[in-house]
Structures are given as C-alpha cells and as structure tokens.
Amino acid sequence: FGALYNKYHGETERNLRESLQTAEVLSPCVLWLDEIEKGLATGHDDSGTAKRVLGSLLTWMAERRAQVFLVATANEVSELPPELIRKGRFDEIFFVDLPPPPSRAEIFAIHLRKRGLKPERMNLAELVALTDGFSGAEIEQAIVSSLYAAHALGEEVDQKHIAAELRKTRPLSVIMAERVAALRAWARERTVPAE
C-alpha cells in the first residue's frame, strides 16, 4: 500500500484513485492491501497526504458499487486510525496468530518440498515440537539455513541439520514476547481467530 506514495504533491492521491478504478474495472475481484498501516502512517512533514489518502480510501469503501472484496493486512494494528477499523468499514477483522502444531507440520512439508527435500524422510513431529512460537517465515528460514550448513559440511541436509538450526533460532515470539502478548490480548476481544 505504501508503494502508492509519490514525492510530488497530489500524485499519491492520484495513484490511489487509479488503483481503485483499476480494481473496479477488474471486478469481481479481491483487492489486497498489504501492510496497510505503512500507507496510512502520518508523518509530520507529509503535508497531510496520509490524511487525504485515508479520506479517499474511506470514501471509496463507503461508496463503491463494484464487486471488489477488500482485504487488508497489518503488522502494527495500533498504528491504524480508529475510523478505519470501526465496525462497518470491514466486514470482519481476523487475527492470524502463530501457527499451531498441525499448521507448522504443513509449513514444514511445503518448504521442504519447495527445496527438493522429502518431508516423509523427516520426523516432522520432532521438528514441530522444536518450533513452538515460531512463525512460518522463521520455519522457512531455519530450513534455508540448514541447507547452507549442510552444504558447508559437504553433507546432504537431514533432520539433524534442520533441528540444529531450529535450536539456534530465537523466534520473534521470544525476542518480543511482551509485544506479542499485548497483540494477542488486544485481539482476544476484538477479532475473529483466523485459524
């Protein structure tokens, strides 16, 4: 969403209008606004651009007639303006928490296959047990790191390489435990679990 921003006055708003018009022309469709908070962050020196972008987006959301299903993601929900997340703007607000064990097993299988490795040759239950509190991206990175580690040793990657990388990894849920706990507490009463 932040990619719409332009340094020239009025260009950002024009970019937003053109993007929304394109979505309407393509309807029915899904319009995905990734990391929406980055596009709506107000800076002290943006000459009100972020407020105008928000106003234009809210107007479009209220008045659109085309079948455009709007989906937005946010990493920092606290940075979203209240008028954007009030009831009626979005049909629902979902919270995507860290993946539970069955989802982590699927994530392992996906990323192992993606790199030409066979999940059935691994003890996925052991790997899943080592990844409590891991995100999908952290699992993927441990697999990638294990490929490099095995290559450096002149070995084929196997369970021990992946497990070693997982043990070295401190997931964000540990590094930023307080923020993760605060986000979960915020989401508990305000959102629908996505899992």
N, C-alpha and C. Protein backbone atom coordinates (compact mmCIF):
# COMPACT_ATOMS: atom_id res chain seq x y z
N PHE A 1 0.83 -1.19 0.00
CA PHE A 1 0.00 0.00 0.00
C PHE A 1 0.87 1.25 0.00
N GLY A 2 1.99 1.19 0.69
CA GLY A 2 2.91 2.32 0.74
C GLY A 2 3.53 2.63 -0.61
N ALA A 3 3.46 1.68 -1.55
CA ALA A 3 4.03 1.90 -2.88
C ALA A 3 3.27 2.97 -3.67
N LEU A 4 2.10 3.33 -3.21
CA LEU A 4 1.32 4.38 -3.89
C LEU A 4 1.92 5.76 -3.70
N TYR A 5 2.72 5.91 -2.64
CA TYR A 5 3.23 7.24 -2.30
C TYR A 5 4.23 7.75 -3.33
N ASN A 6 4.12 9.05 -3.59
CA ASN A 6 4.97 9.72 -4.56
C ASN A 6 5.40 11.04 -3.94
N LYS A 7 6.58 11.50 -4.28
CA LYS A 7 7.09 12.73 -3.66
C LYS A 7 6.41 13.99 -4.17
N TYR A 8 5.73 13.91 -5.31
CA TYR A 8 5.10 15.11 -5.87
C TYR A 8 3.68 15.28 -5.33
N HIS A 9 3.35 16.52 -5.01
CA HIS A 9 2.06 16.85 -4.42
C HIS A 9 0.91 16.37 -5.31
N GLY A 10 -0.01 15.64 -4.71
CA GLY A 10 -1.19 15.18 -5.43
C GLY A 10 -1.03 13.86 -6.16
N GLU A 11 0.21 13.44 -6.37
CA GLU A 11 0.45 12.20 -7.13
C GLU A 11 0.02 10.96 -6.33
N THR A 12 0.21 10.99 -5.04
CA THR A 12 -0.16 9.84 -4.21
C THR A 12 -1.66 9.61 -4.29
N GLU A 13 -2.43 10.68 -4.15
CA GLU A 13 -3.88 10.56 -4.22
C GLU A 13 -4.32 10.07 -5.60
N ARG A 14 -3.65 10.55 -6.64
CA ARG A 14 -3.97 10.11 -8.00
C ARG A 14 -3.65 8.62 -8.15
N ASN A 15 -2.52 8.20 -7.61
CA ASN A 15 -2.16 6.78 -7.67
C ASN A 15 -3.21 5.91 -6.99
N LEU A 16 -3.71 6.38 -5.84
CA LEU A 16 -4.75 5.64 -5.13
C LEU A 16 -6.02 5.57 -5.98
N ARG A 17 -6.45 6.71 -6.51
CA ARG A 17 -7.67 6.73 -7.35
C ARG A 17 -7.54 5.77 -8.53
N GLU A 18 -6.40 5.82 -9.20
CA GLU A 18 -6.20 4.94 -10.36
C GLU A 18 -6.19 3.47 -9.96
N SER A 19 -5.59 3.17 -8.82
CA SER A 19 -5.56 1.78 -8.35
C SER A 19 -6.97 1.28 -8.03
N LEU A 20 -7.74 2.12 -7.37
CA LEU A 20 -9.11 1.74 -7.02
C LEU A 20 -9.98 1.61 -8.27
N GLN A 21 -9.78 2.51 -9.24
CA GLN A 21 -10.52 2.41 -10.50
C GLN A 21 -10.15 1.13 -11.24
N THR A 22 -8.90 0.76 -11.22
CA THR A 22 -8.46 -0.48 -11.86
C THR A 22 -9.13 -1.68 -11.21
N ALA A 23 -9.20 -1.69 -9.88
CA ALA A 23 -9.87 -2.78 -9.17
C ALA A 23 -11.33 -2.86 -9.58
N GLU A 24 -11.98 -1.71 -9.72
CA GLU A 24 -13.39 -1.71 -10.12
C GLU A 24 -13.57 -2.25 -11.53
N VAL A 25 -12.66 -1.89 -12.43
CA VAL A 25 -12.73 -2.39 -13.81
C VAL A 25 -12.55 -3.91 -13.83
N LEU A 26 -11.72 -4.43 -12.96
CA LEU A 26 -11.44 -5.86 -12.91
C LEU A 26 -12.47 -6.65 -12.12
N SER A 27 -13.42 -5.97 -11.50
CA SER A 27 -14.38 -6.66 -10.63
C SER A 27 -15.20 -7.68 -11.43
N PRO A 28 -15.62 -8.76 -10.78
CA PRO A 28 -15.40 -9.05 -9.36
C PRO A 28 -13.95 -9.47 -9.12
N CYS A 29 -13.40 -8.97 -8.03
CA CYS A 29 -12.01 -9.28 -7.70
C CYS A 29 -11.76 -9.07 -6.22
N VAL A 30 -10.58 -9.46 -5.81
CA VAL A 30 -10.11 -9.22 -4.44
C VAL A 30 -9.01 -8.18 -4.52
N LEU A 31 -9.13 -7.13 -3.75
CA LEU A 31 -8.09 -6.10 -3.66
C LEU A 31 -7.36 -6.30 -2.33
N TRP A 32 -6.08 -6.61 -2.43
CA TRP A 32 -5.27 -6.93 -1.25
C TRP A 32 -4.39 -5.74 -0.92
N LEU A 33 -4.61 -5.14 0.25
CA LEU A 33 -3.78 -4.03 0.72
C LEU A 33 -2.84 -4.57 1.79
N ASP A 34 -1.62 -4.84 1.40
CA ASP A 34 -0.65 -5.44 2.31
C ASP A 34 0.00 -4.37 3.17
N GLU A 35 0.07 -4.64 4.46
CA GLU A 35 0.66 -3.71 5.43
C GLU A 35 0.06 -2.32 5.29
N ILE A 36 -1.23 -2.25 5.43
CA ILE A 36 -1.98 -1.01 5.21
C ILE A 36 -1.51 0.11 6.13
N GLU A 37 -1.05 -0.24 7.32
CA GLU A 37 -0.63 0.82 8.25
C GLU A 37 0.54 1.62 7.72
N LYS A 38 1.37 1.01 6.89
CA LYS A 38 2.52 1.74 6.33
C LYS A 38 2.07 2.79 5.33
N GLY A 39 0.98 2.55 4.67
CA GLY A 39 0.46 3.52 3.71
C GLY A 39 -0.36 4.62 4.35
N LEU A 40 -0.75 4.40 5.60
CA LEU A 40 -1.59 5.39 6.28
C LEU A 40 -0.88 6.08 7.43
N ALA A 41 0.39 5.77 7.62
CA ALA A 41 1.15 6.39 8.71
C ALA A 41 1.29 7.88 8.42
N THR A 42 0.98 8.67 9.41
CA THR A 42 1.09 10.11 9.23
C THR A 42 2.43 10.59 9.74
N GLY A 43 3.12 11.29 8.88
CA GLY A 43 4.39 11.90 9.27
C GLY A 43 4.17 13.38 9.49
N HIS A 44 5.08 14.00 10.18
CA HIS A 44 4.93 15.44 10.45
C HIS A 44 5.17 16.28 9.21
N ASP A 45 5.86 15.71 8.23
CA ASP A 45 6.21 16.51 7.06
C ASP A 45 5.56 16.00 5.77
N ASP A 46 4.44 15.26 5.89
CA ASP A 46 3.84 14.73 4.67
C ASP A 46 2.77 15.66 4.09
N SER A 47 2.63 16.86 4.62
CA SER A 47 1.68 17.86 4.12
C SER A 47 0.25 17.34 4.10
N GLY A 48 -0.07 16.43 4.99
CA GLY A 48 -1.44 15.91 5.08
C GLY A 48 -1.77 14.84 4.07
N THR A 49 -0.78 14.34 3.36
CA THR A 49 -1.02 13.33 2.33
C THR A 49 -1.69 12.09 2.92
N ALA A 50 -1.18 11.59 4.04
CA ALA A 50 -1.73 10.37 4.64
C ALA A 50 -3.20 10.56 5.01
N LYS A 51 -3.54 11.75 5.53
CA LYS A 51 -4.95 12.01 5.88
C LYS A 51 -5.83 12.04 4.64
N ARG A 52 -5.31 12.63 3.57
CA ARG A 52 -6.09 12.67 2.32
C ARG A 52 -6.25 11.27 1.73
N VAL A 53 -5.19 10.47 1.81
CA VAL A 53 -5.27 9.09 1.32
C VAL A 53 -6.30 8.32 2.14
N LEU A 54 -6.26 8.46 3.45
CA LEU A 54 -7.23 7.79 4.31
C LEU A 54 -8.64 8.24 3.95
N GLY A 55 -8.84 9.53 3.81
CA GLY A 55 -10.16 10.05 3.45
C GLY A 55 -10.65 9.49 2.13
N SER A 56 -9.78 9.45 1.15
CA SER A 56 -10.16 8.90 -0.16
C SER A 56 -10.51 7.42 -0.06
N LEU A 57 -9.72 6.68 0.70
CA LEU A 57 -9.97 5.25 0.86
C LEU A 57 -11.30 5.01 1.58
N LEU A 58 -11.55 5.75 2.65
CA LEU A 58 -12.79 5.59 3.39
C LEU A 58 -14.00 5.93 2.53
N THR A 59 -13.89 6.99 1.75
CA THR A 59 -14.99 7.37 0.85
C THR A 59 -15.24 6.27 -0.16
N TRP A 60 -14.18 5.74 -0.76
CA TRP A 60 -14.33 4.67 -1.73
C TRP A 60 -14.97 3.43 -1.09
N MET A 61 -14.53 3.10 0.13
CA MET A 61 -15.08 1.93 0.82
C MET A 61 -16.58 2.10 1.07
N ALA A 62 -16.99 3.31 1.39
CA ALA A 62 -18.41 3.57 1.68
C ALA A 62 -19.27 3.64 0.42
N GLU A 63 -18.70 4.12 -0.67
CA GLU A 63 -19.50 4.39 -1.87
C GLU A 63 -19.34 3.38 -3.00
N ARG A 64 -18.39 2.48 -2.92
CA ARG A 64 -18.14 1.59 -4.06
C ARG A 64 -19.35 0.72 -4.36
N ARG A 65 -19.58 0.53 -5.63
CA ARG A 65 -20.69 -0.32 -6.09
C ARG A 65 -20.16 -1.58 -6.75
N ALA A 66 -18.94 -1.52 -7.21
CA ALA A 66 -18.34 -2.68 -7.88
C ALA A 66 -18.09 -3.79 -6.87
N GLN A 67 -18.05 -5.01 -7.36
CA GLN A 67 -17.80 -6.17 -6.50
C GLN A 67 -16.30 -6.33 -6.28
N VAL A 68 -15.79 -5.48 -5.41
CA VAL A 68 -14.37 -5.54 -5.03
C VAL A 68 -14.33 -5.94 -3.56
N PHE A 69 -13.83 -7.13 -3.31
CA PHE A 69 -13.70 -7.63 -1.95
C PHE A 69 -12.37 -7.13 -1.41
N LEU A 70 -12.42 -6.28 -0.40
CA LEU A 70 -11.23 -5.63 0.13
C LEU A 70 -10.66 -6.43 1.30
N VAL A 71 -9.39 -6.78 1.19
CA VAL A 71 -8.66 -7.47 2.25
C VAL A 71 -7.44 -6.63 2.57
N ALA A 72 -7.21 -6.38 3.85
CA ALA A 72 -6.04 -5.60 4.25
C ALA A 72 -5.30 -6.36 5.34
N THR A 73 -3.98 -6.28 5.29
CA THR A 73 -3.17 -6.86 6.36
C THR A 73 -2.47 -5.73 7.10
N ALA A 74 -2.17 -5.99 8.36
CA ALA A 74 -1.45 -5.00 9.17
C ALA A 74 -0.56 -5.74 10.16
N ASN A 75 0.66 -5.30 10.29
CA ASN A 75 1.56 -5.84 11.30
C ASN A 75 1.45 -5.05 12.60
N GLU A 76 1.15 -3.78 12.49
CA GLU A 76 1.06 -2.90 13.66
C GLU A 76 -0.35 -2.32 13.73
N VAL A 77 -1.25 -3.09 14.29
CA VAL A 77 -2.66 -2.68 14.35
C VAL A 77 -2.81 -1.38 15.13
N SER A 78 -1.95 -1.16 16.10
CA SER A 78 -2.05 0.05 16.92
C SER A 78 -1.81 1.31 16.11
N GLU A 79 -1.19 1.19 14.94
CA GLU A 79 -0.94 2.35 14.10
C GLU A 79 -2.10 2.68 13.16
N LEU A 80 -3.12 1.83 13.14
CA LEU A 80 -4.26 2.09 12.26
C LEU A 80 -5.17 3.14 12.87
N PRO A 81 -5.67 4.05 12.06
CA PRO A 81 -6.60 5.04 12.58
C PRO A 81 -7.92 4.38 12.98
N PRO A 82 -8.51 4.80 14.09
CA PRO A 82 -9.74 4.17 14.57
C PRO A 82 -10.88 4.20 13.55
N GLU A 83 -10.95 5.27 12.77
CA GLU A 83 -12.04 5.35 11.80
C GLU A 83 -11.94 4.29 10.70
N LEU A 84 -10.77 3.71 10.54
CA LEU A 84 -10.61 2.66 9.53
C LEU A 84 -11.09 1.30 10.05
N ILE A 85 -10.89 1.03 11.33
CA ILE A 85 -11.20 -0.31 11.83
C ILE A 85 -12.50 -0.40 12.61
N ARG A 86 -13.27 0.67 12.61
CA ARG A 86 -14.56 0.59 13.30
C ARG A 86 -15.47 -0.35 12.53
N LYS A 87 -16.47 -0.88 13.24
CA LYS A 87 -17.43 -1.79 12.61
C LYS A 87 -18.09 -1.11 11.42
N GLY A 88 -18.26 -1.85 10.38
CA GLY A 88 -18.88 -1.31 9.17
C GLY A 88 -17.89 -1.00 8.07
N ARG A 89 -16.65 -0.75 8.42
CA ARG A 89 -15.64 -0.48 7.39
C ARG A 89 -15.24 -1.80 6.73
N PHE A 90 -14.85 -2.75 7.56
CA PHE A 90 -14.54 -4.10 7.09
C PHE A 90 -15.60 -5.03 7.66
N ASP A 91 -15.98 -6.03 6.90
CA ASP A 91 -16.99 -6.97 7.39
C ASP A 91 -16.51 -7.69 8.64
N GLU A 92 -15.24 -7.98 8.67
CA GLU A 92 -14.70 -8.69 9.82
C GLU A 92 -13.22 -8.38 9.97
N ILE A 93 -12.74 -8.47 11.20
CA ILE A 93 -11.31 -8.30 11.47
C ILE A 93 -10.82 -9.63 12.03
N PHE A 94 -9.88 -10.23 11.32
CA PHE A 94 -9.33 -11.52 11.71
C PHE A 94 -7.95 -11.33 12.33
N PHE A 95 -7.62 -12.22 13.23
CA PHE A 95 -6.29 -12.23 13.84
C PHE A 95 -5.59 -13.51 13.42
N VAL A 96 -4.45 -13.37 12.78
CA VAL A 96 -3.64 -14.52 12.38
C VAL A 96 -2.54 -14.68 13.41
N ASP A 97 -2.72 -15.65 14.28
CA ASP A 97 -1.74 -15.91 15.34
C ASP A 97 -0.63 -16.81 14.80
N LEU A 98 0.34 -17.08 15.63
CA LEU A 98 1.40 -18.01 15.25
C LEU A 98 0.78 -19.38 15.00
N PRO A 99 1.33 -20.12 14.05
CA PRO A 99 0.69 -21.38 13.65
C PRO A 99 0.75 -22.45 14.74
N PRO A 100 -0.37 -23.16 14.94
CA PRO A 100 -0.39 -24.28 15.88
C PRO A 100 0.33 -25.50 15.28
N PRO A 101 0.56 -26.54 16.06
CA PRO A 101 1.32 -27.70 15.57
C PRO A 101 0.88 -28.27 14.21
N PRO A 102 -0.40 -28.52 13.96
CA PRO A 102 -0.75 -29.09 12.65
C PRO A 102 -0.37 -28.17 11.49
N SER A 103 -0.53 -26.88 11.69
CA SER A 103 -0.16 -25.92 10.64
C SER A 103 1.35 -25.87 10.46
N ARG A 104 2.10 -25.97 11.56
CA ARG A 104 3.56 -25.97 11.44
C ARG A 104 4.04 -27.20 10.67
N ALA A 105 3.39 -28.34 10.87
CA ALA A 105 3.75 -29.55 10.11
C ALA A 105 3.52 -29.32 8.62
N GLU A 106 2.42 -28.67 8.28
CA GLU A 106 2.14 -28.35 6.87
C GLU A 106 3.18 -27.37 6.32
N ILE A 107 3.54 -26.40 7.13
CA ILE A 107 4.55 -25.41 6.70
C ILE A 107 5.88 -26.11 6.43
N PHE A 108 6.27 -27.01 7.32
CA PHE A 108 7.49 -27.78 7.08
C PHE A 108 7.41 -28.53 5.76
N ALA A 109 6.31 -29.24 5.55
CA ALA A 109 6.16 -30.04 4.33
C ALA A 109 6.26 -29.16 3.08
N ILE A 110 5.61 -28.01 3.11
CA ILE A 110 5.64 -27.09 1.96
C ILE A 110 7.06 -26.64 1.67
N HIS A 111 7.77 -26.18 2.69
CA HIS A 111 9.11 -25.62 2.46
C HIS A 111 10.17 -26.68 2.21
N LEU A 112 9.97 -27.87 2.74
CA LEU A 112 10.89 -28.96 2.41
C LEU A 112 10.74 -29.35 0.94
N ARG A 113 9.48 -29.53 0.51
CA ARG A 113 9.24 -29.88 -0.90
C ARG A 113 9.74 -28.79 -1.84
N LYS A 114 9.54 -27.55 -1.44
CA LYS A 114 9.97 -26.42 -2.27
C LYS A 114 11.47 -26.48 -2.55
N ARG A 115 12.21 -27.10 -1.65
CA ARG A 115 13.67 -27.19 -1.80
C ARG A 115 14.13 -28.59 -2.20
N GLY A 116 13.19 -29.38 -2.73
CA GLY A 116 13.53 -30.71 -3.23
C GLY A 116 13.78 -31.75 -2.15
N LEU A 117 13.34 -31.48 -0.93
CA LEU A 117 13.50 -32.43 0.17
C LEU A 117 12.18 -33.16 0.41
N LYS A 118 12.27 -34.36 0.93
CA LYS A 118 11.07 -35.19 1.14
C LYS A 118 10.64 -35.13 2.60
N PRO A 119 9.48 -34.54 2.87
CA PRO A 119 9.01 -34.45 4.26
C PRO A 119 8.86 -35.83 4.92
N GLU A 120 8.51 -36.83 4.12
CA GLU A 120 8.31 -38.17 4.69
C GLU A 120 9.61 -38.78 5.21
N ARG A 121 10.74 -38.22 4.84
CA ARG A 121 12.03 -38.70 5.36
C ARG A 121 12.42 -38.00 6.67
N MET A 122 11.61 -37.05 7.07
CA MET A 122 11.89 -36.30 8.30
C MET A 122 10.91 -36.73 9.39
N ASN A 123 11.33 -36.53 10.61
CA ASN A 123 10.43 -36.73 11.74
C ASN A 123 9.76 -35.38 12.00
N LEU A 124 8.67 -35.13 11.29
CA LEU A 124 8.01 -33.82 11.40
C LEU A 124 7.53 -33.55 12.81
N ALA A 125 7.11 -34.58 13.54
CA ALA A 125 6.65 -34.37 14.92
C ALA A 125 7.76 -33.76 15.78
N GLU A 126 8.99 -34.23 15.59
CA GLU A 126 10.12 -33.67 16.34
C GLU A 126 10.38 -32.22 15.94
N LEU A 127 10.36 -31.96 14.64
CA LEU A 127 10.60 -30.59 14.17
C LEU A 127 9.50 -29.65 14.65
N VAL A 128 8.27 -30.11 14.61
CA VAL A 128 7.15 -29.30 15.10
C VAL A 128 7.33 -28.99 16.58
N ALA A 129 7.76 -29.98 17.35
CA ALA A 129 7.96 -29.78 18.79
C ALA A 129 9.04 -28.73 19.08
N LEU A 130 9.99 -28.61 18.17
CA LEU A 130 11.07 -27.63 18.35
C LEU A 130 10.66 -26.21 17.95
N THR A 131 9.47 -26.06 17.38
CA THR A 131 9.09 -24.77 16.80
C THR A 131 7.91 -24.11 17.49
N ASP A 132 7.69 -24.41 18.75
CA ASP A 132 6.61 -23.72 19.46
C ASP A 132 6.92 -22.22 19.47
N GLY A 133 5.98 -21.41 19.03
CA GLY A 133 6.19 -19.96 18.99
C GLY A 133 6.84 -19.45 17.73
N PHE A 134 7.10 -20.32 16.76
CA PHE A 134 7.72 -19.91 15.50
C PHE A 134 6.66 -19.47 14.50
N SER A 135 7.02 -18.51 13.68
CA SER A 135 6.17 -18.12 12.55
C SER A 135 6.53 -19.00 11.36
N GLY A 136 5.71 -18.97 10.34
CA GLY A 136 6.02 -19.71 9.12
C GLY A 136 7.32 -19.24 8.50
N ALA A 137 7.57 -17.94 8.53
CA ALA A 137 8.80 -17.39 7.96
C ALA A 137 10.03 -17.87 8.73
N GLU A 138 9.90 -18.01 10.04
CA GLU A 138 11.04 -18.49 10.84
C GLU A 138 11.33 -19.96 10.57
N ILE A 139 10.28 -20.74 10.35
CA ILE A 139 10.46 -22.15 9.98
C ILE A 139 11.16 -22.23 8.62
N GLU A 140 10.67 -21.45 7.67
CA GLU A 140 11.28 -21.45 6.34
C GLU A 140 12.76 -21.07 6.43
N GLN A 141 13.08 -20.04 7.18
CA GLN A 141 14.47 -19.60 7.27
C GLN A 141 15.36 -20.65 7.92
N ALA A 142 14.83 -21.39 8.89
CA ALA A 142 15.62 -22.47 9.50
C ALA A 142 15.94 -23.55 8.47
N ILE A 143 14.98 -23.84 7.60
CA ILE A 143 15.23 -24.83 6.55
C ILE A 143 16.30 -24.31 5.59
N VAL A 144 16.18 -23.06 5.19
CA VAL A 144 17.18 -22.46 4.29
C VAL A 144 18.56 -22.48 4.95
N SER A 145 18.63 -22.08 6.20
CA SER A 145 19.92 -22.07 6.92
C SER A 145 20.50 -23.47 7.02
N SER A 146 19.64 -24.47 7.20
CA SER A 146 20.13 -25.85 7.30
C SER A 146 20.73 -26.33 5.98
N LEU A 147 20.20 -25.84 4.87
CA LEU A 147 20.77 -26.18 3.57
C LEU A 147 22.20 -25.65 3.46
N TYR A 148 22.40 -24.40 3.88
CA TYR A 148 23.74 -23.82 3.86
C TYR A 148 24.69 -24.55 4.81
N ALA A 149 24.19 -24.86 6.00
CA ALA A 149 25.03 -25.54 7.00
C ALA A 149 25.45 -26.92 6.50
N ALA A 150 24.51 -27.66 5.94
CA ALA A 150 24.83 -29.00 5.43
C ALA A 150 25.82 -28.90 4.26
N HIS A 151 25.59 -27.93 3.39
CA HIS A 151 26.49 -27.74 2.24
C HIS A 151 27.91 -27.43 2.72
N ALA A 152 28.03 -26.59 3.73
CA ALA A 152 29.35 -26.23 4.26
C ALA A 152 30.08 -27.45 4.83
N LEU A 153 29.31 -28.42 5.30
CA LEU A 153 29.90 -29.65 5.85
C LEU A 153 30.07 -30.73 4.79
N GLY A 154 29.62 -30.43 3.57
CA GLY A 154 29.70 -31.42 2.50
C GLY A 154 28.72 -32.57 2.68
N GLU A 155 27.59 -32.28 3.33
CA GLU A 155 26.60 -33.32 3.63
C GLU A 155 25.26 -32.98 2.98
N GLU A 156 24.45 -34.00 2.83
CA GLU A 156 23.06 -33.80 2.41
C GLU A 156 22.28 -33.35 3.63
N VAL A 157 21.39 -32.40 3.44
CA VAL A 157 20.61 -31.91 4.58
C VAL A 157 19.69 -33.02 5.09
N ASP A 158 19.62 -33.12 6.40
CA ASP A 158 18.71 -34.09 7.01
C ASP A 158 18.15 -33.50 8.31
N GLN A 159 17.48 -34.36 9.04
CA GLN A 159 16.81 -33.97 10.28
C GLN A 159 17.74 -33.23 11.23
N LYS A 160 18.95 -33.74 11.42
CA LYS A 160 19.85 -33.14 12.41
C LYS A 160 20.24 -31.71 12.04
N HIS A 161 20.41 -31.44 10.74
CA HIS A 161 20.77 -30.08 10.32
C HIS A 161 19.62 -29.10 10.59
N ILE A 162 18.42 -29.54 10.26
CA ILE A 162 17.25 -28.67 10.48
C ILE A 162 17.04 -28.45 11.97
N ALA A 163 17.11 -29.53 12.74
CA ALA A 163 16.92 -29.41 14.20
C ALA A 163 17.96 -28.48 14.81
N ALA A 164 19.20 -28.57 14.34
CA ALA A 164 20.26 -27.71 14.87
C ALA A 164 19.96 -26.24 14.59
N GLU A 165 19.49 -25.95 13.38
CA GLU A 165 19.15 -24.56 13.04
C GLU A 165 17.97 -24.07 13.86
N LEU A 166 17.00 -24.93 14.08
CA LEU A 166 15.84 -24.55 14.90
C LEU A 166 16.27 -24.23 16.33
N ARG A 167 17.16 -25.02 16.86
CA ARG A 167 17.63 -24.79 18.24
C ARG A 167 18.41 -23.48 18.36
N LYS A 168 19.04 -23.05 17.28
CA LYS A 168 19.79 -21.78 17.29
C LYS A 168 18.88 -20.57 17.14
N THR A 169 17.69 -20.79 16.65
CA THR A 169 16.77 -19.69 16.32
C THR A 169 16.00 -19.23 17.55
N ARG A 170 16.00 -17.94 17.78
CA ARG A 170 15.15 -17.34 18.81
C ARG A 170 14.01 -16.66 18.07
N PRO A 171 12.82 -17.24 18.13
CA PRO A 171 11.72 -16.66 17.37
C PRO A 171 11.31 -15.30 17.91
N LEU A 172 10.65 -14.55 17.07
CA LEU A 172 10.17 -13.22 17.44
C LEU A 172 9.25 -13.29 18.67
N SER A 173 8.53 -14.40 18.82
CA SER A 173 7.64 -14.54 19.97
C SER A 173 8.41 -14.61 21.28
N VAL A 174 9.70 -14.90 21.22
CA VAL A 174 10.57 -14.88 22.41
C VAL A 174 11.26 -13.53 22.50
N ILE A 175 11.82 -13.08 21.39
CA ILE A 175 12.56 -11.82 21.38
C ILE A 175 11.65 -10.64 21.75
N MET A 176 10.43 -10.67 21.25
CA MET A 176 9.49 -9.58 21.50
C MET A 176 8.24 -10.12 22.22
N ALA A 177 8.46 -10.92 23.24
CA ALA A 177 7.38 -11.61 23.93
C ALA A 177 6.31 -10.65 24.45
N GLU A 178 6.73 -9.51 24.97
CA GLU A 178 5.76 -8.56 25.53
C GLU A 178 4.85 -8.01 24.45
N ARG A 179 5.42 -7.67 23.29
CA ARG A 179 4.61 -7.13 22.20
C ARG A 179 3.66 -8.18 21.64
N VAL A 180 4.13 -9.41 21.53
CA VAL A 180 3.27 -10.49 21.04
C VAL A 180 2.13 -10.71 22.03
N ALA A 181 2.43 -10.71 23.32
CA ALA A 181 1.39 -10.89 24.35
C ALA A 181 0.38 -9.75 24.30
N ALA A 182 0.87 -8.53 24.12
CA ALA A 182 -0.03 -7.37 24.04
C ALA A 182 -0.93 -7.46 22.80
N LEU A 183 -0.37 -7.88 21.69
CA LEU A 183 -1.16 -8.02 20.46
C LEU A 183 -2.22 -9.09 20.63
N ARG A 184 -1.85 -10.21 21.23
CA ARG A 184 -2.83 -11.28 21.47
C ARG A 184 -3.93 -10.80 22.41
N ALA A 185 -3.56 -10.06 23.45
CA ALA A 185 -4.57 -9.54 24.38
C ALA A 185 -5.51 -8.58 23.66
N TRP A 186 -4.97 -7.72 22.81
CA TRP A 186 -5.80 -6.79 22.04
C TRP A 186 -6.76 -7.57 21.15
N ALA A 187 -6.26 -8.60 20.49
CA ALA A 187 -7.06 -9.35 19.52
C ALA A 187 -8.12 -10.23 20.17
N ARG A 188 -7.87 -10.66 21.39
CA ARG A 188 -8.76 -11.61 22.05
C ARG A 188 -10.22 -11.17 22.04
N GLU A 189 -10.50 -9.93 22.34
CA GLU A 189 -11.88 -9.44 22.43
C GLU A 189 -12.33 -8.64 21.22
N ARG A 190 -11.44 -8.43 20.26
CA ARG A 190 -11.77 -7.53 19.16
C ARG A 190 -11.79 -8.19 17.78
N THR A 191 -11.29 -9.42 17.70
CA THR A 191 -11.13 -10.03 16.38
C THR A 191 -11.66 -11.47 16.37
N VAL A 192 -11.71 -12.00 15.17
CA VAL A 192 -12.08 -13.41 14.97
C VAL A 192 -10.79 -14.17 14.69
N PRO A 193 -10.55 -15.28 15.40
CA PRO A 193 -9.33 -16.05 15.10
C PRO A 193 -9.37 -16.59 13.67
N ALA A 194 -8.27 -16.46 12.97
CA ALA A 194 -8.22 -16.91 11.57
C ALA A 194 -7.95 -18.40 11.46
N GLU A 195 -7.41 -19.01 12.47
CA GLU A 195 -7.05 -20.44 12.41
C GLU A 195 -8.29 -21.30 12.47
